[in-house]
């Protein structure tokens, strides 16, 4: 029983290290493509938000309008900008 526990523990550790390595690789690729640090990029992009608005049982999911800096970052990363309106539901 201890053998199986140690084996699975080792596999979890290896998997965790591999995922960390992949995350670091993605961060470095993003930094090289944009020319800015990950922390600056993250701070700028985390300001993008999705709002949920409900009026008279009608619902709208709308994202914030992107700044020029956010558009530039997404463009350099070759990532599509999020749509302004995600969903509009009219409930009668």
C-alpha atoms as a PDB file:
ATOM      1  CA  UNK A   1       0.000   0.000   0.000  1.00  0.00           C
ATOM      2  CA  UNK A   2       2.822   2.434   0.827  1.00  0.00           C
ATOM      3  CA  UNK A   3       4.360   1.737  -2.589  1.00  0.00           C
ATOM      4  CA  UNK A   4       1.216   2.942  -4.394  1.00  0.00           C
ATOM      5  CA  UNK A   5       0.945   6.025  -2.187  1.00  0.00           C
ATOM      6  CA  UNK A   6       4.563   7.013  -2.854  1.00  0.00           C
ATOM      7  CA  UNK A   7       4.170   6.368  -6.580  1.00  0.00           C
ATOM      8  CA  UNK A   8       1.098   8.558  -6.878  1.00  0.00           C
ATOM      9  CA  UNK A   9       2.685  11.228  -4.707  1.00  0.00           C
ATOM     10  CA  UNK A  10       5.724  11.266  -6.994  1.00  0.00           C
ATOM     11  CA  UNK A  11       3.508  11.512 -10.076  1.00  0.00           C
ATOM     12  CA  UNK A  12       1.615  14.449  -8.572  1.00  0.00           C
ATOM     13  CA  UNK A  13       4.879  16.238  -7.841  1.00  0.00           C
ATOM     14  CA  UNK A  14       6.158  15.615 -11.372  1.00  0.00           C
ATOM     15  CA  UNK A  15       2.870  16.830 -12.829  1.00  0.00           C
ATOM     16  CA  UNK A  16       2.962  19.963 -10.703  1.00  0.00           C
ATOM     17  CA  UNK A  17       6.528  20.767 -11.786  1.00  0.00           C
ATOM     18  CA  UNK A  18       5.593  20.227 -15.427  1.00  0.00           C
ATOM     19  CA  UNK A  19       2.587  22.558 -15.148  1.00  0.00           C
ATOM     20  CA  UNK A  20       4.750  25.215 -13.486  1.00  0.00           C
ATOM     21  CA  UNK A  21       7.281  24.905 -16.293  1.00  0.00           C
ATOM     22  CA  UNK A  22       4.509  25.293 -18.915  1.00  0.00           C
ATOM     23  CA  UNK A  23       3.163  28.364 -17.117  1.00  0.00           C
ATOM     24  CA  UNK A  24       6.631  29.936 -17.048  1.00  0.00           C
ATOM     25  CA  UNK A  25       7.058  29.185 -20.751  1.00  0.00           C
ATOM     26  CA  UNK A  26       3.740  30.884 -21.573  1.00  0.00           C
ATOM     27  CA  UNK A  27       4.676  33.911 -19.469  1.00  0.00           C
ATOM     28  CA  UNK A  28       8.024  34.276 -21.249  1.00  0.00           C
ATOM     29  CA  UNK A  29       6.409  33.937 -24.698  1.00  0.00           C
ATOM     30  CA  UNK A  30       3.828  36.604 -23.773  1.00  0.00           C
ATOM     31  CA  UNK A  31       6.560  38.934 -22.468  1.00  0.00           C
ATOM     32  CA  UNK A  32       8.630  38.559 -25.631  1.00  0.00           C
ATOM     33  CA  UNK A  33       5.663  39.134 -27.945  1.00  0.00           C
ATOM     34  CA  UNK A  34       4.431  42.231 -26.120  1.00  0.00           C
ATOM     35  CA  UNK A  35       7.705  43.698 -24.888  1.00  0.00           C
ATOM     36  CA  UNK A  36       6.296  44.292 -21.403  1.00  0.00           C
ATOM     37  CA  UNK A  37       6.604  42.417 -18.135  1.00  0.00           C
ATOM     38  CA  UNK A  38       4.049  39.827 -17.055  1.00  0.00           C
ATOM     39  CA  UNK A  39       3.001  41.842 -14.001  1.00  0.00           C
ATOM     40  CA  UNK A  40       2.280  44.962 -16.101  1.00  0.00           C
ATOM     41  CA  UNK A  41       0.435  42.875 -18.669  1.00  0.00           C
ATOM     42  CA  UNK A  42      -1.632  41.109 -16.010  1.00  0.00           C
ATOM     43  CA  UNK A  43      -2.462  44.385 -14.251  1.00  0.00           C
ATOM     44  CA  UNK A  44      -3.697  45.870 -17.515  1.00  0.00           C
ATOM     45  CA  UNK A  45      -5.702  42.842 -18.655  1.00  0.00           C
ATOM     46  CA  UNK A  46      -7.308  42.066 -15.296  1.00  0.00           C
ATOM     47  CA  UNK A  47      -9.173  45.368 -15.582  1.00  0.00           C
ATOM     48  CA  UNK A  48     -11.352  43.762 -18.267  1.00  0.00           C
ATOM     49  CA  UNK A  49     -14.575  42.799 -16.555  1.00  0.00           C
ATOM     50  CA  UNK A  50     -17.918  41.246 -17.411  1.00  0.00           C
ATOM     51  CA  UNK A  51     -21.030  42.905 -16.041  1.00  0.00           C
ATOM     52  CA  UNK A  52     -24.425  41.288 -15.563  1.00  0.00           C
ATOM     53  CA  UNK A  53     -27.353  43.663 -15.831  1.00  0.00           C
ATOM     54  CA  UNK A  54     -30.987  42.774 -15.207  1.00  0.00           C
ATOM     55  CA  UNK A  55     -33.942  45.074 -15.882  1.00  0.00           C
ATOM     56  CA  UNK A  56     -37.573  43.916 -15.853  1.00  0.00           C
ATOM     57  CA  UNK A  57     -36.484  40.269 -16.134  1.00  0.00           C
ATOM     58  CA  UNK A  58     -34.351  41.067 -19.203  1.00  0.00           C
ATOM     59  CA  UNK A  59     -30.690  40.216 -18.795  1.00  0.00           C
ATOM     60  CA  UNK A  60     -27.533  41.476 -20.498  1.00  0.00           C
ATOM     61  CA  UNK A  61     -23.933  40.317 -20.079  1.00  0.00           C
ATOM     62  CA  UNK A  62     -21.608  43.098 -21.240  1.00  0.00           C
ATOM     63  CA  UNK A  63     -17.832  43.453 -21.017  1.00  0.00           C
ATOM     64  CA  UNK A  64     -15.984  46.677 -20.345  1.00  0.00           C
ATOM     65  CA  UNK A  65     -14.716  48.567 -23.356  1.00  0.00           C
ATOM     66  CA  UNK A  66     -11.048  47.821 -24.030  1.00  0.00           C
ATOM     67  CA  UNK A  67      -8.403  50.499 -23.671  1.00  0.00           C
ATOM     68  CA  UNK A  68      -5.870  51.056 -26.435  1.00  0.00           C
ATOM     69  CA  UNK A  69      -3.196  49.347 -24.288  1.00  0.00           C
ATOM     70  CA  UNK A  70      -5.421  46.284 -23.771  1.00  0.00           C
ATOM     71  CA  UNK A  71      -6.149  46.097 -27.517  1.00  0.00           C
ATOM     72  CA  UNK A  72      -2.430  46.341 -28.269  1.00  0.00           C
ATOM     73  CA  UNK A  73      -1.541  43.556 -25.825  1.00  0.00           C
ATOM     74  CA  UNK A  74      -4.229  41.217 -27.180  1.00  0.00           C
ATOM     75  CA  UNK A  75      -3.215  42.009 -30.749  1.00  0.00           C
ATOM     76  CA  UNK A  76       0.459  41.222 -30.092  1.00  0.00           C
ATOM     77  CA  UNK A  77      -0.572  37.968 -28.394  1.00  0.00           C
ATOM     78  CA  UNK A  78      -2.802  37.152 -31.391  1.00  0.00           C
ATOM     79  CA  UNK A  79      -5.823  36.812 -29.091  1.00  0.00           C
ATOM     80  CA  UNK A  80      -9.237  38.022 -30.240  1.00  0.00           C
ATOM     81  CA  UNK A  81     -10.796  40.825 -28.249  1.00  0.00           C
ATOM     82  CA  UNK A  82     -13.799  39.740 -26.206  1.00  0.00           C
ATOM     83  CA  UNK A  83     -17.161  40.763 -27.639  1.00  0.00           C
ATOM     84  CA  UNK A  84     -18.846  43.778 -26.037  1.00  0.00           C
ATOM     85  CA  UNK A  85     -22.099  41.863 -25.525  1.00  0.00           C
ATOM     86  CA  UNK A  86     -21.844  38.231 -24.495  1.00  0.00           C
ATOM     87  CA  UNK A  87     -25.485  37.449 -24.029  1.00  0.00           C
ATOM     88  CA  UNK A  88     -28.833  39.219 -24.182  1.00  0.00           C
ATOM     89  CA  UNK A  89     -31.903  37.418 -22.867  1.00  0.00           C
ATOM     90  CA  UNK A  90     -35.410  38.773 -23.175  1.00  0.00           C
ATOM     91  CA  UNK A  91     -37.742  37.086 -20.727  1.00  0.00           C
ATOM     92  CA  UNK A  92     -41.444  37.753 -21.065  1.00  0.00           C
END
